[in-house]
All heavy atoms as atom14 arrays in JSON, in Angstrom:
{
  "sequence": "KYPEKFAAAKDMYGDKAVAGFIPLRGEAVTAPGS",
  "atom14_mask": [
    [1, 1, 1, 1, 1, 1, 1, 1, 1, 0, 0, 0, 0, 0],
    [1, 1, 1, 1, 1, 1, 1, 1, 1, 1, 1, 1, 0, 0],
    [1, 1, 1, 1, 1, 1, 1, 0, 0, 0, 0, 0, 0, 0],
    [1, 1, 1, 1, 1, 1, 1, 1, 1, 0, 0, 0, 0, 0],
    [1, 1, 1, 1, 1, 1, 1, 1, 1, 0, 0, 0, 0, 0],
    [1, 1, 1, 1, 1, 1, 1, 1, 1, 1, 1, 0, 0, 0],
    [1, 1, 1, 1, 1, 0, 0, 0, 0, 0, 0, 0, 0, 0],
    [1, 1, 1, 1, 1, 0, 0, 0, 0, 0, 0, 0, 0, 0],
    [1, 1, 1, 1, 1, 0, 0, 0, 0, 0, 0, 0, 0, 0],
    [1, 1, 1, 1, 1, 1, 1, 1, 1, 0, 0, 0, 0, 0],
    [1, 1, 1, 1, 1, 1, 1, 1, 0, 0, 0, 0, 0, 0],
    [1, 1, 1, 1, 1, 1, 1, 1, 0, 0, 0, 0, 0, 0],
    [1, 1, 1, 1, 1, 1, 1, 1, 1, 1, 1, 1, 0, 0],
    [1, 1, 1, 1, 0, 0, 0, 0, 0, 0, 0, 0, 0, 0],
    [1, 1, 1, 1, 1, 1, 1, 1, 0, 0, 0, 0, 0, 0],
    [1, 1, 1, 1, 1, 1, 1, 1, 1, 0, 0, 0, 0, 0],
    [1, 1, 1, 1, 1, 0, 0, 0, 0, 0, 0, 0, 0, 0],
    [1, 1, 1, 1, 1, 1, 1, 0, 0, 0, 0, 0, 0, 0],
    [1, 1, 1, 1, 1, 0, 0, 0, 0, 0, 0, 0, 0, 0],
    [1, 1, 1, 1, 0, 0, 0, 0, 0, 0, 0, 0, 0, 0],
    [1, 1, 1, 1, 1, 1, 1, 1, 1, 1, 1, 0, 0, 0],
    [1, 1, 1, 1, 1, 1, 1, 1, 0, 0, 0, 0, 0, 0],
    [1, 1, 1, 1, 1, 1, 1, 0, 0, 0, 0, 0, 0, 0],
    [1, 1, 1, 1, 1, 1, 1, 1, 0, 0, 0, 0, 0, 0],
    [1, 1, 1, 1, 1, 1, 1, 1, 1, 1, 1, 0, 0, 0],
    [1, 1, 1, 1, 0, 0, 0, 0, 0, 0, 0, 0, 0, 0],
    [1, 1, 1, 1, 1, 1, 1, 1, 1, 0, 0, 0, 0, 0],
    [1, 1, 1, 1, 1, 0, 0, 0, 0, 0, 0, 0, 0, 0],
    [1, 1, 1, 1, 1, 1, 1, 0, 0, 0, 0, 0, 0, 0],
    [1, 1, 1, 1, 1, 1, 1, 0, 0, 0, 0, 0, 0, 0],
    [1, 1, 1, 1, 1, 0, 0, 0, 0, 0, 0, 0, 0, 0],
    [1, 1, 1, 1, 1, 1, 1, 0, 0, 0, 0, 0, 0, 0],
    [1, 1, 1, 1, 0, 0, 0, 0, 0, 0, 0, 0, 0, 0],
    [1, 1, 1, 1, 1, 1, 0, 0, 0, 0, 0, 0, 0, 0]
  ],
  "atom14_positions": [
    [[69.74, 8.5, -181.02], [69.77, 8.33, -179.57], [69.94, 6.88, -179.15], [69.95, 6.58, -177.95], [68.49, 8.91, -178.96], [68.38, 10.42, -179.09], [67.09, 10.93, -178.46], [66.97, 12.45, -178.58], [65.69, 12.94, -178.03], [0.0, 0.0, 0.0], [0.0, 0.0, 0.0], [0.0, 0.0, 0.0], [0.0, 0.0, 0.0], [0.0, 0.0, 0.0]],
    [[70.06, 5.97, -180.12], [70.13, 4.55, -179.76], [71.28, 4.23, -178.8], [71.06, 3.52, -177.8], [70.22, 3.67, -181.01], [70.38, 2.21, -180.68], [69.38, 1.52, -179.99], [71.54, 1.52, -181.02], [69.53, 0.18, -179.66], [71.69, 0.18, -180.7], [70.69, -0.49, -180.02], [70.85, -1.81, -179.69], [0.0, 0.0, 0.0], [0.0, 0.0, 0.0]],
    [[72.52, 4.7, -179.03], [73.59, 4.38, -178.07], [73.27, 4.84, -176.66], [73.6, 4.16, -175.67], [74.8, 5.12, -178.64], [74.53, 5.2, -180.11], [73.04, 5.44, -180.21], [0.0, 0.0, 0.0], [0.0, 0.0, 0.0], [0.0, 0.0, 0.0], [0.0, 0.0, 0.0], [0.0, 0.0, 0.0], [0.0, 0.0, 0.0], [0.0, 0.0, 0.0]],
    [[72.6, 5.98, -176.54], [72.21, 6.49, -175.21], [71.15, 5.59, -174.58], [71.22, 5.26, -173.39], [71.67, 7.91, -175.38], [71.14, 8.57, -174.13], [70.54, 9.94, -174.4], [70.96, 10.59, -175.39], [69.65, 10.35, -173.65], [0.0, 0.0, 0.0], [0.0, 0.0, 0.0], [0.0, 0.0, 0.0], [0.0, 0.0, 0.0], [0.0, 0.0, 0.0]],
    [[70.19, 5.17, -175.38], [69.14, 4.26, -174.91], [69.75, 2.93, -174.48], [69.37, 2.35, -173.45], [68.13, 4.05, -176.04], [67.01, 3.09, -175.74], [66.1, 2.97, -176.96], [65.01, 1.93, -176.76], [64.16, 1.78, -177.97], [0.0, 0.0, 0.0], [0.0, 0.0, 0.0], [0.0, 0.0, 0.0], [0.0, 0.0, 0.0], [0.0, 0.0, 0.0]],
    [[70.69, 2.44, -175.26], [71.4, 1.2, -174.97], [72.14, 1.3, -173.63], [72.05, 0.43, -172.77], [72.36, 0.9, -176.11], [73.24, -0.29, -175.91], [72.82, -1.55, -176.28], [74.5, -0.15, -175.36], [73.64, -2.66, -176.11], [75.33, -1.24, -175.18], [74.89, -2.51, -175.55], [0.0, 0.0, 0.0], [0.0, 0.0, 0.0], [0.0, 0.0, 0.0]],
    [[72.89, 2.38, -173.45], [73.68, 2.56, -172.23], [72.81, 2.63, -170.99], [73.23, 2.19, -169.91], [74.53, 3.82, -172.35], [0.0, 0.0, 0.0], [0.0, 0.0, 0.0], [0.0, 0.0, 0.0], [0.0, 0.0, 0.0], [0.0, 0.0, 0.0], [0.0, 0.0, 0.0], [0.0, 0.0, 0.0], [0.0, 0.0, 0.0], [0.0, 0.0, 0.0]],
    [[71.6, 3.12, -171.14], [70.7, 3.27, -169.99], [70.18, 1.92, -169.49], [69.65, 1.84, -168.38], [69.53, 4.17, -170.36], [0.0, 0.0, 0.0], [0.0, 0.0, 0.0], [0.0, 0.0, 0.0], [0.0, 0.0, 0.0], [0.0, 0.0, 0.0], [0.0, 0.0, 0.0], [0.0, 0.0, 0.0], [0.0, 0.0, 0.0], [0.0, 0.0, 0.0]],
    [[70.32, 0.87, -170.31], [69.84, -0.46, -169.91], [70.99, -1.45, -169.8], [70.84, -2.63, -170.1], [68.81, -0.96, -170.92], [0.0, 0.0, 0.0], [0.0, 0.0, 0.0], [0.0, 0.0, 0.0], [0.0, 0.0, 0.0], [0.0, 0.0, 0.0], [0.0, 0.0, 0.0], [0.0, 0.0, 0.0], [0.0, 0.0, 0.0], [0.0, 0.0, 0.0]],
    [[72.14, -0.98, -169.36], [73.33, -1.8, -169.3], [73.14, -3.04, -168.43], [73.74, -4.1, -168.7], [74.51, -0.98, -168.78], [75.87, -1.5, -169.2], [76.07, -1.45, -170.71], [77.46, -1.88, -171.11], [77.64, -1.88, -172.57], [0.0, 0.0, 0.0], [0.0, 0.0, 0.0], [0.0, 0.0, 0.0], [0.0, 0.0, 0.0], [0.0, 0.0, 0.0]],
    [[72.34, -2.96, -167.41], [72.1, -4.13, -166.56], [71.46, -5.27, -167.36], [71.71, -6.44, -167.08], [71.19, -3.77, -165.38], [71.91, -2.99, -164.31], [73.16, -2.89, -164.39], [71.24, -2.48, -163.4], [0.0, 0.0, 0.0], [0.0, 0.0, 0.0], [0.0, 0.0, 0.0], [0.0, 0.0, 0.0], [0.0, 0.0, 0.0], [0.0, 0.0, 0.0]],
    [[70.64, -4.92, -168.32], [70.0, -5.95, -169.14], [70.97, -6.49, -170.19], [71.03, -7.7, -170.43], [68.77, -5.39, -169.84], [68.04, -6.43, -170.69], [66.58, -5.78, -171.54], [67.33, -4.97, -172.96], [0.0, 0.0, 0.0], [0.0, 0.0, 0.0], [0.0, 0.0, 0.0], [0.0, 0.0, 0.0], [0.0, 0.0, 0.0], [0.0, 0.0, 0.0]],
    [[71.76, -5.61, -170.8], [72.64, -6.02, -171.9], [73.92, -6.69, -171.42], [74.47, -7.54, -172.12], [72.99, -4.81, -172.76], [71.83, -4.28, -173.55], [71.19, -3.09, -173.2], [71.36, -4.96, -174.67], [70.13, -2.6, -173.94], [70.29, -4.48, -175.41], [69.69, -3.3, -175.04], [68.63, -2.82, -175.76], [0.0, 0.0, 0.0], [0.0, 0.0, 0.0]],
    [[74.43, -6.32, -170.26], [75.68, -6.87, -169.76], [76.89, -6.07, -170.22], [76.83, -5.28, -171.16], [0.0, 0.0, 0.0], [0.0, 0.0, 0.0], [0.0, 0.0, 0.0], [0.0, 0.0, 0.0], [0.0, 0.0, 0.0], [0.0, 0.0, 0.0], [0.0, 0.0, 0.0], [0.0, 0.0, 0.0], [0.0, 0.0, 0.0], [0.0, 0.0, 0.0]],
    [[78.0, -6.28, -169.54], [79.2, -5.48, -169.78], [79.87, -5.76, -171.11], [80.64, -4.94, -171.62], [80.22, -5.72, -168.65], [79.73, -5.19, -167.31], [78.9, -4.26, -167.32], [80.18, -5.72, -166.27], [0.0, 0.0, 0.0], [0.0, 0.0, 0.0], [0.0, 0.0, 0.0], [0.0, 0.0, 0.0], [0.0, 0.0, 0.0], [0.0, 0.0, 0.0]],
    [[79.63, -6.95, -171.7], [80.29, -7.29, -172.96], [79.56, -6.75, -174.18], [80.12, -6.74, -175.29], [80.42, -8.81, -173.09], [81.32, -9.45, -172.04], [81.3, -10.97, -172.18], [79.97, -11.56, -171.72], [79.96, -13.05, -171.77], [0.0, 0.0, 0.0], [0.0, 0.0, 0.0], [0.0, 0.0, 0.0], [0.0, 0.0, 0.0], [0.0, 0.0, 0.0]],
    [[78.34, -6.32, -174.01], [77.52, -5.89, -175.13], [78.0, -4.57, -175.72], [78.59, -3.74, -175.02], [76.06, -5.75, -174.68], [0.0, 0.0, 0.0], [0.0, 0.0, 0.0], [0.0, 0.0, 0.0], [0.0, 0.0, 0.0], [0.0, 0.0, 0.0], [0.0, 0.0, 0.0], [0.0, 0.0, 0.0], [0.0, 0.0, 0.0], [0.0, 0.0, 0.0]],
    [[77.76, -4.39, -177.01], [78.11, -3.16, -177.7], [76.95, -2.74, -178.59], [76.07, -3.54, -178.91], [79.39, -3.32, -178.55], [80.6, -3.57, -177.68], [79.23, -4.45, -179.57], [0.0, 0.0, 0.0], [0.0, 0.0, 0.0], [0.0, 0.0, 0.0], [0.0, 0.0, 0.0], [0.0, 0.0, 0.0], [0.0, 0.0, 0.0], [0.0, 0.0, 0.0]],
    [[76.97, -1.46, -178.99], [75.89, -0.94, -179.83], [76.44, 0.03, -180.86], [77.42, 0.73, -180.6], [74.84, -0.24, -178.97], [0.0, 0.0, 0.0], [0.0, 0.0, 0.0], [0.0, 0.0, 0.0], [0.0, 0.0, 0.0], [0.0, 0.0, 0.0], [0.0, 0.0, 0.0], [0.0, 0.0, 0.0], [0.0, 0.0, 0.0], [0.0, 0.0, 0.0]],
    [[75.82, 0.07, -182.02], [76.22, 0.99, -183.07], [75.16, 1.04, -184.14], [73.97, 0.82, -183.86], [0.0, 0.0, 0.0], [0.0, 0.0, 0.0], [0.0, 0.0, 0.0], [0.0, 0.0, 0.0], [0.0, 0.0, 0.0], [0.0, 0.0, 0.0], [0.0, 0.0, 0.0], [0.0, 0.0, 0.0], [0.0, 0.0, 0.0], [0.0, 0.0, 0.0]],
    [[75.57, 1.31, -185.37], [74.62, 1.52, -186.46], [74.97, 0.67, -187.68], [76.11, 0.25, -187.86], [74.62, 3.0, -186.88], [74.21, 3.94, -185.79], [75.14, 4.74, -185.16], [72.89, 4.02, -185.37], [74.78, 5.61, -184.15], [72.51, 4.88, -184.35], [73.46, 5.68, -183.74], [0.0, 0.0, 0.0], [0.0, 0.0, 0.0], [0.0, 0.0, 0.0]],
    [[73.95, 0.42, -188.51], [74.13, -0.24, -189.8], [73.3, 0.52, -190.83], [72.18, 0.93, -190.51], [73.72, -1.74, -189.72], [74.23, -2.51, -190.93], [72.22, -1.91, -189.55], [74.12, -4.02, -190.78], [0.0, 0.0, 0.0], [0.0, 0.0, 0.0], [0.0, 0.0, 0.0], [0.0, 0.0, 0.0], [0.0, 0.0, 0.0], [0.0, 0.0, 0.0]],
    [[73.82, 0.78, -192.04], [75.14, 0.46, -192.53], [76.24, 1.04, -191.65], [76.1, 2.11, -191.07], [75.16, 1.1, -193.92], [73.74, 1.22, -194.31], [73.01, 1.48, -193.05], [0.0, 0.0, 0.0], [0.0, 0.0, 0.0], [0.0, 0.0, 0.0], [0.0, 0.0, 0.0], [0.0, 0.0, 0.0], [0.0, 0.0, 0.0], [0.0, 0.0, 0.0]],
    [[77.36, 0.32, -191.59], [78.4, 0.65, -190.63], [79.1, 1.96, -190.93], [79.53, 2.67, -190.02], [79.43, -0.49, -190.56], [78.89, -1.86, -190.18], [80.0, -2.9, -190.2], [78.23, -1.83, -188.81], [0.0, 0.0, 0.0], [0.0, 0.0, 0.0], [0.0, 0.0, 0.0], [0.0, 0.0, 0.0], [0.0, 0.0, 0.0], [0.0, 0.0, 0.0]],
    [[79.27, 2.29, -192.19], [79.93, 3.55, -192.59], [81.29, 3.7, -191.92], [81.66, 4.76, -191.41], [79.04, 4.76, -192.26], [77.64, 4.69, -192.85], [77.68, 4.72, -194.39], [76.4, 4.43, -194.99], [75.5, 5.37, -195.35], [75.74, 6.63, -195.15], [74.37, 5.0, -195.93], [0.0, 0.0, 0.0], [0.0, 0.0, 0.0], [0.0, 0.0, 0.0]],
    [[82.03, 2.59, -191.83], [83.37, 2.64, -191.27], [83.45, 2.53, -189.76], [84.54, 2.52, -189.2], [0.0, 0.0, 0.0], [0.0, 0.0, 0.0], [0.0, 0.0, 0.0], [0.0, 0.0, 0.0], [0.0, 0.0, 0.0], [0.0, 0.0, 0.0], [0.0, 0.0, 0.0], [0.0, 0.0, 0.0], [0.0, 0.0, 0.0], [0.0, 0.0, 0.0]],
    [[82.3, 2.42, -189.08], [82.3, 2.34, -187.63], [82.59, 0.91, -187.18], [81.89, -0.02, -187.55], [80.95, 2.79, -187.07], [80.59, 4.23, -187.44], [79.14, 4.55, -187.13], [78.5, 3.78, -186.39], [78.65, 5.56, -187.64], [0.0, 0.0, 0.0], [0.0, 0.0, 0.0], [0.0, 0.0, 0.0], [0.0, 0.0, 0.0], [0.0, 0.0, 0.0]],
    [[83.65, 0.72, -186.39], [84.04, -0.61, -185.93], [83.26, -0.98, -184.67], [83.74, -0.86, -183.56], [85.54, -0.65, -185.65], [0.0, 0.0, 0.0], [0.0, 0.0, 0.0], [0.0, 0.0, 0.0], [0.0, 0.0, 0.0], [0.0, 0.0, 0.0], [0.0, 0.0, 0.0], [0.0, 0.0, 0.0], [0.0, 0.0, 0.0], [0.0, 0.0, 0.0]],
    [[82.02, -1.4, -184.86], [81.17, -1.75, -183.72], [81.69, -3.01, -183.04], [81.77, -3.08, -181.81], [79.71, -1.97, -184.19], [78.83, -2.38, -183.03], [79.19, -0.71, -184.85], [0.0, 0.0, 0.0], [0.0, 0.0, 0.0], [0.0, 0.0, 0.0], [0.0, 0.0, 0.0], [0.0, 0.0, 0.0], [0.0, 0.0, 0.0], [0.0, 0.0, 0.0]],
    [[82.04, -3.99, -183.83], [82.63, -5.23, -183.33], [83.52, -5.79, -184.43], [83.37, -5.4, -185.6], [81.54, -6.25, -182.93], [82.14, -7.35, -182.24], [80.76, -6.76, -184.12], [0.0, 0.0, 0.0], [0.0, 0.0, 0.0], [0.0, 0.0, 0.0], [0.0, 0.0, 0.0], [0.0, 0.0, 0.0], [0.0, 0.0, 0.0], [0.0, 0.0, 0.0]],
    [[84.45, -6.63, -184.09], [85.45, -7.1, -185.05], [84.81, -7.91, -186.18], [83.86, -8.67, -185.95], [86.49, -7.94, -184.34], [0.0, 0.0, 0.0], [0.0, 0.0, 0.0], [0.0, 0.0, 0.0], [0.0, 0.0, 0.0], [0.0, 0.0, 0.0], [0.0, 0.0, 0.0], [0.0, 0.0, 0.0], [0.0, 0.0, 0.0], [0.0, 0.0, 0.0]],
    [[85.32, -7.78, -187.4], [84.85, -8.64, -188.49], [85.04, -10.11, -188.12], [86.0, -10.49, -187.45], [85.76, -8.25, -189.66], [86.21, -6.86, -189.35], [86.34, -6.81, -187.85], [0.0, 0.0, 0.0], [0.0, 0.0, 0.0], [0.0, 0.0, 0.0], [0.0, 0.0, 0.0], [0.0, 0.0, 0.0], [0.0, 0.0, 0.0], [0.0, 0.0, 0.0]],
    [[84.08, -10.94, -188.53], [84.16, -12.37, -188.26], [83.98, -12.76, -186.82], [84.43, -13.83, -186.4], [0.0, 0.0, 0.0], [0.0, 0.0, 0.0], [0.0, 0.0, 0.0], [0.0, 0.0, 0.0], [0.0, 0.0, 0.0], [0.0, 0.0, 0.0], [0.0, 0.0, 0.0], [0.0, 0.0, 0.0], [0.0, 0.0, 0.0], [0.0, 0.0, 0.0]],
    [[83.28, -11.93, -186.03], [83.14, -12.2, -184.59], [81.73, -12.58, -184.15], [81.5, -12.87, -182.98], [83.58, -10.97, -183.79], [82.71, -9.87, -184.03], [0.0, 0.0, 0.0], [0.0, 0.0, 0.0], [0.0, 0.0, 0.0], [0.0, 0.0, 0.0], [0.0, 0.0, 0.0], [0.0, 0.0, 0.0], [0.0, 0.0, 0.0], [0.0, 0.0, 0.0]]
  ]
}
Protein backbone atom coordinates (compact mmCIF):
# COMPACT_ATOMS: atom_id res chain seq x y z
CA LYS A 1 0.00 0.00 0.00
CA TYR A 2 3.03 2.31 0.06
CA PRO A 3 2.34 3.97 -3.34
CA GLU A 4 -1.22 4.69 -2.20
CA LYS A 5 0.03 6.12 1.11
CA PHE A 6 2.58 8.22 -0.80
CA ALA A 7 -0.04 9.60 -3.21
CA ALA A 8 -2.26 10.63 -0.30
CA ALA A 9 0.44 13.02 0.97
CA LYS A 10 1.35 14.61 -2.35
CA ASP A 11 1.25 18.11 -0.85
CA MET A 12 4.13 17.14 1.41
CA TYR A 13 6.17 15.28 -1.21
CA GLY A 14 5.69 17.69 -4.12
CA ASP A 15 4.93 17.06 -7.78
CA LYS A 16 8.44 15.87 -8.68
CA ALA A 17 8.56 13.10 -6.09
CA VAL A 18 8.20 9.44 -7.00
CA ALA A 19 7.70 6.22 -5.05
CA GLY A 20 8.36 2.53 -5.61
CA PHE A 21 10.02 -0.52 -4.10
CA ILE A 22 13.47 -1.97 -3.44
CA PRO A 23 14.79 -4.44 -4.54
CA LEU A 24 13.68 -2.85 -7.79
CA ARG A 25 12.87 -6.09 -9.64
CA GLY A 26 12.98 -4.24 -12.95
CA GLU A 27 10.77 -1.35 -11.83
CA ALA A 28 12.05 1.97 -13.23
CA VAL A 29 11.26 4.17 -10.23
CA THR A 30 13.77 6.81 -11.29
CA ALA A 31 16.53 6.91 -13.89
CA PRO A 32 19.87 5.23 -13.15
CA GLY A 33 22.50 7.74 -12.05
CA SER A 34 19.92 10.36 -11.03
